[in-house]
Amino acid sequence: MNRIRKAVIPVAGFGTRFLPATIAQPKEMLTVVDKPVIQYIVEELVASGIEEIIFVTGRGKRAIEDHFDYSAELEELLEGKGKKELLEEVKRISSLAKFVYVRQHKPLGNGHALLCAKEIVGNEPFAFSYGDDIIDSRVPALKQMIKAYEKYRDLIMGVVEVPRDKVSSYGIVRPKQPPHSPPISAKRKQGNPHLSPPISPRAKQGELEGVDDVFEISGVVEKPDLENAPSRFANPGRYIFNPDIFDYLEKTKPGKGGEIWIADAVEKVFRDKAVYACKINGTYYDCGNKLEYIKANVAYALKRKDMGEEFEKYLKGLKL
């Protein structure tokens, strides 16, 4: 099966950067205006064609399960009070997709979290997304990536362009050639599994709806200095994997902190196969960062029909 219909979201982390707010609630359930961060991500995935979402959970994450579950008591309450719009919204949330939950018993890295979902994913390509990164875009971010995958059928890494002074905060991809360069051609030598397979012609600007650029990459540099950064394209935790990623993960030894990391497994993929970056057309909010989380609240509040105009007046009236 080549259609992308499943997605994995790891949500087992403790969310220590948002303490004390996350002492008793998952960081993914922190709200942007009146909707949990995780719901924005789920809605993006569903709008991209995802039918089944696999949450890799841990201790204290029950609120996520309850949020996407059917709530007879709440629906009965809303119906009794005549709150039809809220009732329909609650019903919609519980029917967004098929939700599956698998437990990561120890915090052993995001690579280990993904391995926990192996049996549920099965032998098909799938999407992967962090649980605290929102991308606001006209065409859903994952849908842009799926279009790229349908062309190349190789590992697709979503990327966003970050400001120059922010490159040292992210994993920055190294393009094989600068974007917009002529098509690459390559021949695979027989008997050498570490050389890349033949590469399809590079996608032209605008060829994929909603995609600014799709280009092959040769690696990722973690948090480089500005002078040594190979580009300004950062990975916001969006991937499309083929099922062989599990083979690479199983061969990946524990790295930083004694944990298994997806980034280390992807480095092994670079040696064997082509890996493509899909530059996502949209605005990225790292909601695991307090300042970016506040920015997301402001941006989404301004977009709201029921409060945007009044909120904008309030902001303009502030004495800064």
C-alpha atoms as a PDB file:
ATOM      1  CA  MET A   1       0.000   0.000   0.000  1.00  0.00           C
ATOM      2  CA  ASN A   2       1.513   3.335  -1.082  1.00  0.00           C
ATOM      3  CA  ARG A   3      -1.154   5.779   0.096  1.00  0.00           C
ATOM      4  CA  ILE A   4      -0.320   7.656   3.279  1.00  0.00           C
ATOM      5  CA  ARG A   5      -3.199   6.872   5.625  1.00  0.00           C
ATOM      6  CA  LYS A   6      -1.523   6.517   9.045  1.00  0.00           C
ATOM      7  CA  ALA A   7       0.375   8.985  11.208  1.00  0.00           C
ATOM      8  CA  VAL A   8       2.401   8.567  14.394  1.00  0.00           C
ATOM      9  CA  ILE A   9       2.557  11.301  17.043  1.00  0.00           C
ATOM     10  CA  PRO A  10       4.826  10.791  20.092  1.00  0.00           C
ATOM     11  CA  VAL A  11       3.323  12.466  23.171  1.00  0.00           C
ATOM     12  CA  ALA A  12       5.107  10.715  26.040  1.00  0.00           C
ATOM     13  CA  GLY A  13       7.395  13.612  27.019  1.00  0.00           C
ATOM     14  CA  PHE A  14       7.102  15.382  30.369  1.00  0.00           C
ATOM     15  CA  GLY A  15       6.928  18.947  29.048  1.00  0.00           C
ATOM     16  CA  THR A  16       9.371  20.303  31.624  1.00  0.00           C
ATOM     17  CA  ARG A  17       9.843  23.589  29.729  1.00  0.00           C
ATOM     18  CA  PHE A  18       6.267  24.545  30.632  1.00  0.00           C
ATOM     19  CA  LEU A  19       6.357  23.704  34.320  1.00  0.00           C
ATOM     20  CA  PRO A  20       4.413  24.313  36.495  1.00  0.00           C
ATOM     21  CA  ALA A  21       1.592  24.352  33.914  1.00  0.00           C
ATOM     22  CA  THR A  22       2.403  20.770  32.937  1.00  0.00           C
ATOM     23  CA  ILE A  23       2.550  19.242  36.407  1.00  0.00           C
ATOM     24  CA  ALA A  24      -0.928  17.768  36.004  1.00  0.00           C
ATOM     25  CA  GLN A  25      -1.692  18.146  32.288  1.00  0.00           C
ATOM     26  CA  PRO A  26       0.134  17.145  29.095  1.00  0.00           C
ATOM     27  CA  LYS A  27       1.973  19.951  27.314  1.00  0.00           C
ATOM     28  CA  GLU A  28       0.120  18.928  24.144  1.00  0.00           C
ATOM     29  CA  MET A  29      -3.151  19.909  25.845  1.00  0.00           C
ATOM     30  CA  LEU A  30      -2.103  23.515  26.425  1.00  0.00           C
ATOM     31  CA  THR A  31      -4.507  25.661  24.432  1.00  0.00           C
ATOM     32  CA  VAL A  32      -3.939  28.106  21.614  1.00  0.00           C
ATOM     33  CA  VAL A  33      -6.940  30.375  22.221  1.00  0.00           C
ATOM     34  CA  ASP A  34      -9.508  27.658  23.031  1.00  0.00           C
ATOM     35  CA  LYS A  35      -8.154  24.594  21.251  1.00  0.00           C
ATOM     36  CA  PRO A  36      -5.371  22.257  22.449  1.00  0.00           C
ATOM     37  CA  VAL A  37      -2.139  22.353  20.457  1.00  0.00           C
ATOM     38  CA  ILE A  38      -2.507  18.641  19.675  1.00  0.00           C
ATOM     39  CA  GLN A  39      -5.897  19.207  18.062  1.00  0.00           C
ATOM     40  CA  TYR A  40      -4.428  21.689  15.568  1.00  0.00           C
ATOM     41  CA  ILE A  41      -1.936  19.016  14.548  1.00  0.00           C
ATOM     42  CA  VAL A  42      -4.552  16.258  14.314  1.00  0.00           C
ATOM     43  CA  GLU A  43      -6.775  18.483  12.165  1.00  0.00           C
ATOM     44  CA  GLU A  44      -3.844  19.200   9.838  1.00  0.00           C
ATOM     45  CA  LEU A  45      -3.181  15.476   9.440  1.00  0.00           C
ATOM     46  CA  VAL A  46      -6.837  14.660   8.824  1.00  0.00           C
ATOM     47  CA  ALA A  47      -7.133  17.477   6.286  1.00  0.00           C
ATOM     48  CA  SER A  48      -4.156  15.866   4.513  1.00  0.00           C
ATOM     49  CA  GLY A  49      -5.954  12.532   4.147  1.00  0.00           C
ATOM     50  CA  ILE A  50      -4.810  10.706   7.302  1.00  0.00           C
ATOM     51  CA  GLU A  51      -7.365   8.177   8.536  1.00  0.00           C
ATOM     52  CA  GLU A  52      -5.604   6.591  11.529  1.00  0.00           C
ATOM     53  CA  ILE A  53      -3.562   8.423  14.149  1.00  0.00           C
ATOM     54  CA  ILE A  54      -1.272   6.491  16.481  1.00  0.00           C
ATOM     55  CA  PHE A  55      -0.400   8.286  19.708  1.00  0.00           C
ATOM     56  CA  VAL A  56       2.662   7.009  21.560  1.00  0.00           C
ATOM     57  CA  THR A  57       1.748   7.977  25.097  1.00  0.00           C
ATOM     58  CA  GLY A  58       3.258   7.778  28.558  1.00  0.00           C
ATOM     59  CA  ARG A  59       2.293   8.282  32.156  1.00  0.00           C
ATOM     60  CA  GLY A  60      -0.020  11.259  32.761  1.00  0.00           C
ATOM     61  CA  LYS A  61      -1.278  11.526  29.173  1.00  0.00           C
ATOM     62  CA  ARG A  62      -4.833  10.301  29.755  1.00  0.00           C
ATOM     63  CA  ALA A  63      -6.228  13.769  28.999  1.00  0.00           C
ATOM     64  CA  ILE A  64      -5.252  13.330  25.320  1.00  0.00           C
ATOM     65  CA  GLU A  65      -7.203  10.083  25.096  1.00  0.00           C
ATOM     66  CA  ASP A  66     -10.212  11.657  26.802  1.00  0.00           C
ATOM     67  CA  HIS A  67     -10.112  14.701  24.515  1.00  0.00           C
ATOM     68  CA  PHE A  68     -10.521  12.640  21.347  1.00  0.00           C
ATOM     69  CA  ASP A  69     -12.926  10.133  22.908  1.00  0.00           C
ATOM     70  CA  TYR A  70     -16.727  10.014  22.802  1.00  0.00           C
ATOM     71  CA  SER A  71     -18.185  11.786  25.860  1.00  0.00           C
ATOM     72  CA  ALA A  72     -21.806  10.789  26.424  1.00  0.00           C
ATOM     73  CA  GLU A  73     -22.160  12.908  29.562  1.00  0.00           C
ATOM     74  CA  LEU A  74     -20.837  16.079  27.938  1.00  0.00           C
ATOM     75  CA  GLU A  75     -22.939  15.618  24.813  1.00  0.00           C
ATOM     76  CA  GLU A  76     -26.037  15.058  26.923  1.00  0.00           C
ATOM     77  CA  LEU A  77     -25.285  18.198  28.949  1.00  0.00           C
ATOM     78  CA  LEU A  78     -24.772  20.366  25.853  1.00  0.00           C
ATOM     79  CA  GLU A  79     -27.894  19.005  24.194  1.00  0.00           C
ATOM     80  CA  GLY A  80     -29.956  19.674  27.321  1.00  0.00           C
ATOM     81  CA  LYS A  81     -28.763  23.281  27.419  1.00  0.00           C
ATOM     82  CA  GLY A  82     -29.467  23.799  23.732  1.00  0.00           C
ATOM     83  CA  LYS A  83     -25.830  24.530  22.863  1.00  0.00           C
ATOM     84  CA  LYS A  84     -26.008  23.028  19.400  1.00  0.00           C
ATOM     85  CA  GLU A  85     -22.807  24.523  17.972  1.00  0.00           C
ATOM     86  CA  LEU A  86     -20.695  23.278  20.856  1.00  0.00           C
ATOM     87  CA  LEU A  87     -22.402  19.881  20.679  1.00  0.00           C
ATOM     88  CA  GLU A  88     -21.557  19.526  16.995  1.00  0.00           C
ATOM     89  CA  GLU A  89     -17.961  20.547  17.663  1.00  0.00           C
ATOM     90  CA  VAL A  90     -17.562  17.948  20.412  1.00  0.00           C
ATOM     91  CA  LYS A  91     -19.010  15.261  18.141  1.00  0.00           C
ATOM     92  CA  ARG A  92     -16.717  16.318  15.294  1.00  0.00           C
ATOM     93  CA  ILE A  93     -13.574  16.039  17.424  1.00  0.00           C
ATOM     94  CA  SER A  94     -14.284  12.458  18.504  1.00  0.00           C
ATOM     95  CA  SER A  95     -14.921  11.402  14.888  1.00  0.00           C
ATOM     96  CA  LEU A  96     -11.943  13.104  13.233  1.00  0.00           C
ATOM     97  CA  ALA A  97     -10.051   9.841  12.723  1.00  0.00           C
ATOM     98  CA  LYS A  98      -9.438   6.403  14.122  1.00  0.00           C
ATOM     99  CA  PHE A  99      -7.301   6.922  17.233  1.00  0.00           C
ATOM    100  CA  VAL A 100      -4.920   4.245  18.492  1.00  0.00           C
ATOM    101  CA  TYR A 101      -2.817   4.477  21.652  1.00  0.00           C
ATOM    102  CA  VAL A 102       0.387   2.614  22.449  1.00  0.00           C
ATOM    103  CA  ARG A 103       2.437   3.099  25.609  1.00  0.00           C
ATOM    104  CA  GLN A 104       6.101   4.020  25.820  1.00  0.00           C
ATOM    105  CA  HIS A 105       6.939   2.786  29.309  1.00  0.00           C
ATOM    106  CA  LYS A 106      10.253   4.644  29.641  1.00  0.00           C
ATOM    107  CA  PRO A 107      11.496   7.905  28.057  1.00  0.00           C
ATOM    108  CA  LEU A 108      14.072   6.287  25.790  1.00  0.00           C
ATOM    109  CA  GLY A 109      14.026   8.808  22.929  1.00  0.00           C
ATOM    110  CA  ASN A 110      11.765   9.645  20.002  1.00  0.00           C
ATOM    111  CA  GLY A 111      13.270   6.791  17.964  1.00  0.00           C
ATOM    112  CA  HIS A 112      12.240   4.324  20.650  1.00  0.00           C
ATOM    113  CA  ALA A 113       8.779   5.952  20.722  1.00  0.00           C
ATOM    114  CA  LEU A 114       8.423   5.361  16.996  1.00  0.00           C
ATOM    115  CA  LEU A 115       9.523   1.737  17.396  1.00  0.00           C
ATOM    116  CA  CYS A 116       6.678   1.287  19.884  1.00  0.00           C
ATOM    117  CA  ALA A 117       4.268   1.915  16.988  1.00  0.00           C
ATOM    118  CA  LYS A 118       5.906  -0.528  14.556  1.00  0.00           C
ATOM    119  CA  GLU A 119       3.317  -3.301  14.765  1.00  0.00           C
ATOM    120  CA  ILE A 120       0.428  -0.879  14.378  1.00  0.00           C
ATOM    121  CA  VAL A 121       1.964   0.937  11.416  1.00  0.00           C
ATOM    122  CA  GLY A 122       2.635  -2.310   9.564  1.00  0.00           C
ATOM    123  CA  ASN A 123       4.270  -2.526   6.158  1.00  0.00           C
ATOM    124  CA  GLU A 124       3.199   0.777   4.634  1.00  0.00           C
ATOM    125  CA  PRO A 125       4.501   4.347   4.362  1.00  0.00           C
ATOM    126  CA  PHE A 126       3.312   6.701   7.079  1.00  0.00           C
ATOM    127  CA  ALA A 127       3.545  10.232   8.430  1.00  0.00           C
ATOM    128  CA  PHE A 128       5.277  11.301  11.624  1.00  0.00           C
ATOM    129  CA  SER A 129       4.723  14.528  13.518  1.00  0.00           C
ATOM    130  CA  TYR A 130       5.774  15.969  16.847  1.00  0.00           C
ATOM    131  CA  GLY A 131       2.930  16.890  19.160  1.00  0.00           C
ATOM    132  CA  ASP A 132       3.776  20.525  19.833  1.00  0.00           C
ATOM    133  CA  ASP A 133       4.549  22.098  16.445  1.00  0.00           C
ATOM    134  CA  ILE A 134       1.778  24.022  14.658  1.00  0.00           C
ATOM    135  CA  ILE A 135       2.111  25.038  11.012  1.00  0.00           C
ATOM    136  CA  ASP A 136      -0.512  27.511   9.796  1.00  0.00           C
ATOM    137  CA  SER A 137      -0.847  27.176   6.028  1.00  0.00           C
ATOM    138  CA  ARG A 138      -3.400  27.429   3.229  1.00  0.00           C
ATOM    139  CA  VAL A 139      -2.544  23.934   2.021  1.00  0.00           C
ATOM    140  CA  PRO A 140      -2.054  21.652   5.063  1.00  0.00           C
ATOM    141  CA  ALA A 141       1.643  21.100   5.744  1.00  0.00           C
ATOM    142  CA  LEU A 142       1.457  17.321   5.564  1.00  0.00           C
ATOM    143  CA  LYS A 143      -0.538  17.473   2.338  1.00  0.00           C
ATOM    144  CA  GLN A 144       2.307  19.422   0.778  1.00  0.00           C
ATOM    145  CA  MET A 145       4.707  16.689   1.895  1.00  0.00           C
ATOM    146  CA  ILE A 146       2.455  13.902   0.632  1.00  0.00           C
ATOM    147  CA  LYS A 147       2.489  15.451  -2.847  1.00  0.00           C
ATOM    148  CA  ALA A 148       6.281  15.378  -2.710  1.00  0.00           C
ATOM    149  CA  TYR A 149       6.250  11.745  -1.548  1.00  0.00           C
ATOM    150  CA  GLU A 150       3.936  10.733  -4.380  1.00  0.00           C
ATOM    151  CA  LYS A 151       6.570  12.015  -6.801  1.00  0.00           C
ATOM    152  CA  TYR A 152       9.720  10.555  -5.244  1.00  0.00           C
ATOM    153  CA  ARG A 153       8.600   7.669  -2.952  1.00  0.00           C
ATOM    154  CA  ASP A 154      11.625   8.294  -0.743  1.00  0.00           C
ATOM    155  CA  LEU A 155      11.916   9.650   2.799  1.00  0.00           C
ATOM    156  CA  ILE A 156      10.489  13.168   2.905  1.00  0.00           C
ATOM    157  CA  MET A 157      11.537  15.613   5.597  1.00  0.00           C
ATOM    158  CA  GLY A 158       9.425  18.725   6.041  1.00  0.00           C
ATOM    159  CA  VAL A 159      11.457  21.910   6.429  1.00  0.00           C
ATOM    160  CA  VAL A 160      10.714  25.538   7.207  1.00  0.00           C
ATOM    161  CA  GLU A 161      12.946  28.539   6.595  1.00  0.00           C
ATOM    162  CA  VAL A 162      14.038  30.115   9.884  1.00  0.00           C
ATOM    163  CA  PRO A 163      15.625  33.542  10.542  1.00  0.00           C
ATOM    164  CA  ARG A 164      19.405  33.714  10.460  1.00  0.00           C
ATOM    165  CA  ASP A 165      19.649  34.288  14.213  1.00  0.00           C
ATOM    166  CA  LYS A 166      17.622  31.116  14.895  1.00  0.00           C
ATOM    167  CA  VAL A 167      19.589  28.505  12.941  1.00  0.00           C
ATOM    168  CA  SER A 168      21.596  27.505  16.016  1.00  0.00           C
ATOM    169  CA  SER A 169      18.370  26.370  17.703  1.00  0.00           C
ATOM    170  CA  TYR A 170      17.400  23.721  15.147  1.00  0.00           C
ATOM    171  CA  GLY A 171      18.585  20.811  13.065  1.00  0.00           C
ATOM    172  CA  ILE A 172      19.492  22.433   9.728  1.00  0.00           C
ATOM    173  CA  VAL A 173      19.410  20.411   6.502  1.00  0.00           C
ATOM    174  CA  ARG A 174      22.279  20.332   4.047  1.00  0.00           C
ATOM    175  CA  PRO A 175      21.019  20.563   0.420  1.00  0.00           C
ATOM    176  CA  LYS A 176      22.910  18.432  -2.097  1.00  0.00           C
ATOM    177  CA  GLN A 177      22.576  21.416  -4.401  1.00  0.00           C
ATOM    178  CA  PRO A 178      21.023  24.810  -3.719  1.00  0.00           C
ATOM    179  CA  PRO A 179      17.241  24.891  -4.325  1.00  0.00           C
ATOM    180  CA  HIS A 180      16.212  25.825  -7.894  1.00  0.00           C
ATOM    181  CA  SER A 181      19.401  24.263  -9.282  1.00  0.00           C
ATOM    182  CA  PRO A 182      19.277  22.023 -12.388  1.00  0.00           C
ATOM    183  CA  PRO A 183      18.098  18.405 -12.050  1.00  0.00           C
ATOM    184  CA  ILE A 184      20.516  15.904 -10.562  1.00  0.00           C
ATOM    185  CA  SER A 185      21.215  12.564 -12.172  1.00  0.00           C
ATOM    186  CA  ALA A 186      23.110   9.741 -10.549  1.00  0.00           C
ATOM    187  CA  LYS A 187      23.935   6.129 -11.284  1.00  0.00           C
ATOM    188  CA  ARG A 188      23.994   3.443  -8.629  1.00  0.00           C
ATOM    189  CA  LYS A 189      27.004   1.175  -8.872  1.00  0.00           C
ATOM    190  CA  GLN A 190      26.177  -2.490  -8.548  1.00  0.00           C
ATOM    191  CA  GLY A 191      27.255  -4.169  -5.335  1.00  0.00           C
ATOM    192  CA  ASN A 192      27.611  -0.978  -3.268  1.00  0.00           C
ATOM    193  CA  PRO A 193      24.587  -0.495  -1.012  1.00  0.00           C
ATOM    194  CA  HIS A 194      25.886   2.829   0.308  1.00  0.00           C
ATOM    195  CA  LEU A 195      25.535   4.754  -2.954  1.00  0.00           C
ATOM    196  CA  SER A 196      22.289   6.572  -3.658  1.00  0.00           C
ATOM    197  CA  PRO A 197      19.820   5.011  -6.137  1.00  0.00           C
ATOM    198  CA  PRO A 198      18.982   6.857  -9.358  1.00  0.00           C
ATOM    199  CA  ILE A 199      17.384  10.205  -8.535  1.00  0.00           C
ATOM    200  CA  SER A 200      14.297  11.430 -10.343  1.00  0.00           C
ATOM    201  CA  PRO A 201      14.392  14.918 -11.910  1.00  0.00           C
ATOM    202  CA  ARG A 202      13.964  17.565  -9.299  1.00  0.00           C
ATOM    203  CA  ALA A 203      10.516  19.121  -8.928  1.00  0.00           C
ATOM    204  CA  LYS A 204      10.249  22.545 -10.521  1.00  0.00           C
ATOM    205  CA  GLN A 205       9.078  25.606  -8.631  1.00  0.00           C
ATOM    206  CA  GLY A 206       5.278  25.559  -8.433  1.00  0.00           C
ATOM    207  CA  GLU A 207       4.924  22.066  -9.879  1.00  0.00           C
ATOM    208  CA  LEU A 208       3.471  20.779  -6.602  1.00  0.00           C
ATOM    209  CA  GLU A 209       0.492  22.726  -5.310  1.00  0.00           C
ATOM    210  CA  GLY A 210       1.390  24.629  -2.156  1.00  0.00           C
ATOM    211  CA  VAL A 211       5.052  23.538  -2.284  1.00  0.00           C
ATOM    212  CA  ASP A 212       7.749  26.172  -2.820  1.00  0.00           C
ATOM    213  CA  ASP A 213      10.564  23.678  -3.252  1.00  0.00           C
ATOM    214  CA  VAL A 214      11.454  20.002  -3.088  1.00  0.00           C
ATOM    215  CA  PHE A 215      15.156  19.211  -3.093  1.00  0.00           C
ATOM    216  CA  GLU A 216      17.493  16.382  -2.195  1.00  0.00           C
ATOM    217  CA  ILE A 217      19.511  16.709   0.997  1.00  0.00           C
ATOM    218  CA  SER A 218      22.706  14.991   2.118  1.00  0.00           C
ATOM    219  CA  GLY A 219      22.450  15.407   5.873  1.00  0.00           C
ATOM    220  CA  VAL A 220      21.292  17.407   8.877  1.00  0.00           C
ATOM    221  CA  VAL A 221      23.568  19.549  11.038  1.00  0.00           C
ATOM    222  CA  GLU A 222      22.313  19.845  14.610  1.00  0.00           C
ATOM    223  CA  LYS A 223      22.243  23.406  15.961  1.00  0.00           C
ATOM    224  CA  PRO A 224      25.099  24.808  13.871  1.00  0.00           C
ATOM    225  CA  ASP A 225      26.724  28.200  14.328  1.00  0.00           C
ATOM    226  CA  LEU A 226      25.480  30.717  11.784  1.00  0.00           C
ATOM    227  CA  GLU A 227      28.851  30.699  10.018  1.00  0.00           C
ATOM    228  CA  ASN A 228      28.733  26.912   9.586  1.00  0.00           C
ATOM    229  CA  ALA A 229      25.036  26.498   8.798  1.00  0.00           C
ATOM    230  CA  PRO A 230      24.553  24.709   5.446  1.00  0.00           C
ATOM    231  CA  SER A 231      21.178  26.433   4.899  1.00  0.00           C
ATOM    232  CA  ARG A 232      18.368  28.113   6.812  1.00  0.00           C
ATOM    233  CA  PHE A 233      15.983  25.187   6.385  1.00  0.00           C
ATOM    234  CA  ALA A 234      15.037  23.624   9.728  1.00  0.00           C
ATOM    235  CA  ASN A 235      13.130  20.424  10.380  1.00  0.00           C
ATOM    236  CA  PRO A 236       9.966  21.132  12.443  1.00  0.00           C
ATOM    237  CA  GLY A 237       9.388  17.465  13.225  1.00  0.00           C
ATOM    238  CA  ARG A 238       7.411  16.443  10.142  1.00  0.00           C
ATOM    239  CA  TYR A 239       8.418  13.326   8.177  1.00  0.00           C
ATOM    240  CA  ILE A 240       7.022  10.810   5.740  1.00  0.00           C
ATOM    241  CA  PHE A 241       8.735   7.466   6.263  1.00  0.00           C
ATOM    242  CA  ASN A 242       8.758   4.243   4.338  1.00  0.00           C
ATOM    243  CA  PRO A 243       8.384   1.184   6.625  1.00  0.00           C
ATOM    244  CA  ASP A 244      12.097   0.380   6.318  1.00  0.00           C
ATOM    245  CA  ILE A 245      12.761   3.193   8.821  1.00  0.00           C
ATOM    246  CA  PHE A 246      12.044   0.588  11.508  1.00  0.00           C
ATOM    247  CA  ASP A 247      14.956  -1.519  10.247  1.00  0.00           C
ATOM    248  CA  TYR A 248      17.245   1.490  10.574  1.00  0.00           C
ATOM    249  CA  LEU A 249      15.908   2.296  14.048  1.00  0.00           C
ATOM    250  CA  GLU A 250      16.464  -1.263  15.248  1.00  0.00           C
ATOM    251  CA  LYS A 251      20.100  -1.007  14.147  1.00  0.00           C
ATOM    252  CA  THR A 252      20.585   2.405  15.766  1.00  0.00           C
ATOM    253  CA  LYS A 253      22.505   2.376  19.020  1.00  0.00           C
ATOM    254  CA  PRO A 254      21.526   4.678  21.896  1.00  0.00           C
ATOM    255  CA  GLY A 255      23.018   8.126  21.436  1.00  0.00           C
ATOM    256  CA  LYS A 256      22.707  11.351  23.387  1.00  0.00           C
ATOM    257  CA  GLY A 257      21.364  10.700  26.889  1.00  0.00           C
ATOM    258  CA  GLY A 258      21.449   6.957  26.285  1.00  0.00           C
ATOM    259  CA  GLU A 259      18.326   7.257  24.111  1.00  0.00           C
ATOM    260  CA  ILE A 260      17.442   6.216  20.549  1.00  0.00           C
ATOM    261  CA  TRP A 261      16.920   9.172  18.231  1.00  0.00           C
ATOM    262  CA  ILE A 262      15.169   9.391  14.863  1.00  0.00           C
ATOM    263  CA  ALA A 263      17.859  11.797  13.658  1.00  0.00           C
ATOM    264  CA  ASP A 264      20.521   9.097  14.126  1.00  0.00           C
ATOM    265  CA  ALA A 265      18.483   6.577  12.137  1.00  0.00           C
ATOM    266  CA  VAL A 266      17.891   9.099   9.339  1.00  0.00           C
ATOM    267  CA  GLU A 267      21.648   9.662   9.129  1.00  0.00           C
ATOM    268  CA  LYS A 268      21.948   5.972   8.216  1.00  0.00           C
ATOM    269  CA  VAL A 269      19.271   6.387   5.526  1.00  0.00           C
ATOM    270  CA  PHE A 270      21.378   9.124   3.907  1.00  0.00           C
ATOM    271  CA  ARG A 271      24.114   6.550   3.229  1.00  0.00           C
ATOM    272  CA  ASP A 272      21.797   4.190   1.364  1.00  0.00           C
ATOM    273  CA  LYS A 273      19.041   6.180  -0.289  1.00  0.00           C
ATOM    274  CA  ALA A 274      17.872   9.561  -1.479  1.00  0.00           C
ATOM    275  CA  VAL A 275      16.256  11.794   1.122  1.00  0.00           C
ATOM    276  CA  TYR A 276      14.235  14.838   0.096  1.00  0.00           C
ATOM    277  CA  ALA A 277      13.321  18.037   1.883  1.00  0.00           C
ATOM    278  CA  CYS A 278       9.931  19.568   1.217  1.00  0.00           C
ATOM    279  CA  LYS A 279       9.938  23.264   2.015  1.00  0.00           C
ATOM    280  CA  ILE A 280       6.594  23.863   3.691  1.00  0.00           C
ATOM    281  CA  ASN A 281       4.674  26.945   2.654  1.00  0.00           C
ATOM    282  CA  GLY A 282       3.224  28.265   5.913  1.00  0.00           C
ATOM    283  CA  THR A 283       3.923  29.883   9.278  1.00  0.00           C
ATOM    284  CA  TYR A 284       5.605  27.680  11.857  1.00  0.00           C
ATOM    285  CA  TYR A 285       5.014  27.944  15.612  1.00  0.00           C
ATOM    286  CA  ASP A 286       7.206  25.884  17.925  1.00  0.00           C
ATOM    287  CA  CYS A 287       4.706  25.570  20.760  1.00  0.00           C
ATOM    288  CA  GLY A 288       7.277  23.777  22.889  1.00  0.00           C
ATOM    289  CA  ASN A 289       8.901  27.202  23.221  1.00  0.00           C
ATOM    290  CA  LYS A 290       7.158  29.680  25.536  1.00  0.00           C
ATOM    291  CA  LEU A 291       7.642  32.750  23.359  1.00  0.00           C
ATOM    292  CA  GLU A 292       6.556  30.948  20.178  1.00  0.00           C
ATOM    293  CA  TYR A 293       3.559  29.570  22.056  1.00  0.00           C
ATOM    294  CA  ILE A 294       2.494  33.106  23.000  1.00  0.00           C
ATOM    295  CA  LYS A 295       2.985  34.238  19.390  1.00  0.00           C
ATOM    296  CA  ALA A 296       0.718  31.407  18.225  1.00  0.00           C
ATOM    297  CA  ASN A 297      -2.005  32.523  20.637  1.00  0.00           C
ATOM    298  CA  VAL A 298      -1.800  36.093  19.364  1.00  0.00           C
ATOM    299  CA  ALA A 299      -1.809  35.053  15.691  1.00  0.00           C
ATOM    300  CA  TYR A 300      -4.753  32.684  16.021  1.00  0.00           C
ATOM    301  CA  ALA A 301      -6.734  35.128  18.177  1.00  0.00           C
ATOM    302  CA  LEU A 302      -6.342  37.808  15.505  1.00  0.00           C
ATOM    303  CA  LYS A 303      -7.741  35.390  12.900  1.00  0.00           C
ATOM    304  CA  ARG A 304     -10.889  34.700  14.895  1.00  0.00           C
ATOM    305  CA  LYS A 305     -14.105  36.283  13.613  1.00  0.00           C
ATOM    306  CA  ASP A 306     -15.562  36.428  17.130  1.00  0.00           C
ATOM    307  CA  MET A 307     -12.646  38.294  18.710  1.00  0.00           C
ATOM    308  CA  GLY A 308     -10.034  39.261  16.126  1.00  0.00           C
ATOM    309  CA  GLU A 309     -11.131  42.855  15.548  1.00  0.00           C
ATOM    310  CA  GLU A 310     -11.554  43.657  19.231  1.00  0.00           C
ATOM    311  CA  PHE A 311      -8.266  41.955  20.112  1.00  0.00           C
ATOM    312  CA  GLU A 312      -6.429  43.937  17.437  1.00  0.00           C
ATOM    313  CA  LYS A 313      -7.786  47.175  18.902  1.00  0.00           C
ATOM    314  CA  TYR A 314      -6.580  46.082  22.319  1.00  0.00           C
ATOM    315  CA  LEU A 315      -3.073  45.356  21.004  1.00  0.00           C
ATOM    316  CA  LYS A 316      -2.874  48.697  19.219  1.00  0.00           C
ATOM    317  CA  GLY A 317      -3.909  50.451  22.398  1.00  0.00           C
ATOM    318  CA  LEU A 318      -1.124  48.993  24.498  1.00  0.00           C
ATOM    319  CA  LYS A 319       1.505  51.458  25.658  1.00  0.00           C
ATOM    320  CA  LEU A 320       4.733  49.676  24.739  1.00  0.00           C
END
